[in-house]
Amino acid sequence: MNNPRNIGGVVIEYSGSHPRGKFLFDVAQENKKAREKFPGGKSLDTALMEEVGELAQALLKIDESNWSPEQVYQEAVQVASMAMRIAVEGCPEHRYQGMKCGFAGCRQPATGGPCALCYE
């Protein structure tokens, strides 16, 4: 059974409760929240490194009673979300422009929402 989920016009489908599909859905959801909270896209490289450090800390502390697998999962989602932002939006500090899809005014056929790659 497919579970279509709509995030800002981007439809993500995954079968049943498949963990990879859920992860991608959670990354897209986190990405949308991050873009709304921090729309400028400055210092994404620094933010990514911070998130990687938090994931590493969560992994190192998983054996301690105050960290849970859910916290590790959430940190991994945040790392992937920041990596997605850099890949798509670019990183001006390093003259990387990002990977826009190249189709002006493109829309998703199923929803008419913004392009799933460039959010335009």
Protein backbone atom coordinates (compact mmCIF):
# COMPACT_ATOMS: atom_id res chain seq x y z
CA MET A 1 0.00 0.00 0.00
CA ASN A 2 1.41 3.40 -0.99
CA ASN A 3 1.27 6.28 1.45
CA PRO A 4 1.44 9.54 -0.49
CA ARG A 5 2.56 12.44 1.66
CA ASN A 6 2.45 16.03 0.46
CA ILE A 7 5.06 18.48 1.70
CA GLY A 8 4.76 21.95 0.24
CA GLY A 9 3.45 20.63 -3.04
CA VAL A 10 6.05 17.87 -3.25
CA VAL A 11 4.47 14.42 -3.08
CA ILE A 12 6.55 11.64 -1.58
CA GLU A 13 5.23 8.10 -1.74
CA TYR A 14 6.54 5.07 0.05
CA SER A 15 5.26 1.60 0.49
CA GLY A 16 3.82 0.68 3.87
CA SER A 17 6.13 1.68 6.66
CA HIS A 18 9.39 1.22 4.74
CA PRO A 19 12.13 2.91 6.79
CA ARG A 20 13.90 4.47 3.79
CA GLY A 21 10.68 5.99 2.53
CA LYS A 22 9.86 7.32 5.97
CA PHE A 23 13.38 8.73 6.27
CA LEU A 24 13.08 10.56 2.93
CA PHE A 25 9.69 11.90 3.97
CA ASP A 26 11.12 13.12 7.28
CA VAL A 27 14.09 14.73 5.48
CA ALA A 28 11.78 16.57 3.09
CA GLN A 29 9.62 17.72 5.99
CA GLU A 30 12.68 18.93 7.94
CA ASN A 31 13.98 20.64 4.80
CA LYS A 32 10.73 22.55 4.37
CA LYS A 33 10.79 23.69 8.02
CA ALA A 34 14.44 24.74 7.77
CA ARG A 35 13.83 26.71 4.56
CA GLU A 36 10.95 28.55 6.23
CA LYS A 37 12.92 29.26 9.41
CA PHE A 38 16.23 30.14 7.67
CA PRO A 39 15.35 31.14 4.09
CA GLY A 40 18.60 32.97 3.28
CA GLY A 41 20.80 29.94 2.83
CA LYS A 42 23.88 31.60 4.32
CA SER A 43 26.49 29.52 6.13
CA LEU A 44 24.91 26.23 5.14
CA ASP A 45 28.34 24.61 5.21
CA THR A 46 28.79 25.59 8.86
CA ALA A 47 25.27 24.41 9.70
CA LEU A 48 25.96 21.04 8.04
CA MET A 49 29.14 20.56 10.06
CA GLU A 50 27.26 21.43 13.24
CA GLU A 51 24.59 18.84 12.44
CA VAL A 52 27.23 16.20 11.63
CA GLY A 53 28.84 16.90 15.00
CA GLU A 54 25.48 16.50 16.76
CA LEU A 55 24.90 13.19 14.98
CA ALA A 56 28.35 11.99 16.02
CA GLN A 57 27.64 13.00 19.63
CA ALA A 58 24.32 11.17 19.55
CA LEU A 59 26.03 8.02 18.25
CA LEU A 60 28.75 8.22 20.87
CA LYS A 61 26.19 8.72 23.64
CA ILE A 62 23.71 6.07 22.52
CA ASP A 63 24.99 3.75 25.25
CA GLU A 64 24.28 6.38 27.88
CA SER A 65 20.83 6.39 29.40
CA ASN A 66 20.04 9.95 28.29
CA TRP A 67 20.18 9.30 24.52
CA SER A 68 17.74 7.27 22.45
CA PRO A 69 17.70 5.75 18.97
CA GLU A 70 15.01 8.30 18.08
CA GLN A 71 17.44 11.14 18.86
CA VAL A 72 20.08 9.55 16.61
CA TYR A 73 17.48 9.19 13.86
CA GLN A 74 16.43 12.85 14.18
CA GLU A 75 20.04 14.04 14.01
CA ALA A 76 20.54 11.95 10.85
CA VAL A 77 17.42 13.56 9.35
CA GLN A 78 18.85 17.01 10.09
CA VAL A 79 22.21 16.11 8.49
CA ALA A 80 20.46 14.88 5.34
CA SER A 81 18.27 17.97 5.23
CA MET A 82 21.28 20.29 5.39
CA ALA A 83 23.06 18.26 2.71
CA MET A 84 19.95 18.59 0.53
CA ARG A 85 19.90 22.35 1.00
CA ILE A 86 23.54 22.65 -0.07
CA ALA A 87 23.01 20.37 -3.07
CA VAL A 88 19.93 22.25 -4.28
CA GLU A 89 20.35 25.81 -3.04
CA GLY A 90 24.12 26.06 -3.27
CA CYS A 91 26.73 27.41 -0.91
CA PRO A 92 27.72 30.97 -1.84
CA GLU A 93 30.68 30.96 0.56
CA HIS A 94 32.29 28.36 -1.72
CA ARG A 95 30.92 29.63 -5.05
CA TYR A 96 28.73 26.56 -5.51
CA GLN A 97 25.47 27.59 -7.16
CA GLY A 98 23.38 24.48 -6.50
CA MET A 99 21.64 22.12 -8.89
CA LYS A 100 18.55 23.80 -10.28
CA CYS A 101 16.55 21.68 -12.63
CA GLY A 102 16.92 24.10 -15.54
CA PHE A 103 13.26 24.16 -16.52
CA ALA A 104 11.78 27.59 -15.91
CA GLY A 105 8.41 27.42 -14.21
CA CYS A 106 8.41 23.64 -13.95
CA ARG A 107 5.66 22.01 -11.90
CA GLN A 108 5.01 18.54 -10.61
CA PRO A 109 2.53 16.82 -12.89
CA ALA A 110 0.59 15.14 -10.09
CA THR A 111 0.05 18.17 -7.89
CA GLY A 112 0.91 21.27 -9.89
CA GLY A 113 3.17 22.16 -6.96
CA PRO A 114 6.71 23.51 -7.13
CA CYS A 115 9.51 21.56 -8.69
CA ALA A 116 10.65 18.82 -6.32
CA LEU A 117 14.29 19.66 -7.02
CA CYS A 118 14.51 23.44 -7.03
CA TYR A 119 11.34 24.43 -5.12
CA GLU A 120 10.52 27.06 -7.76
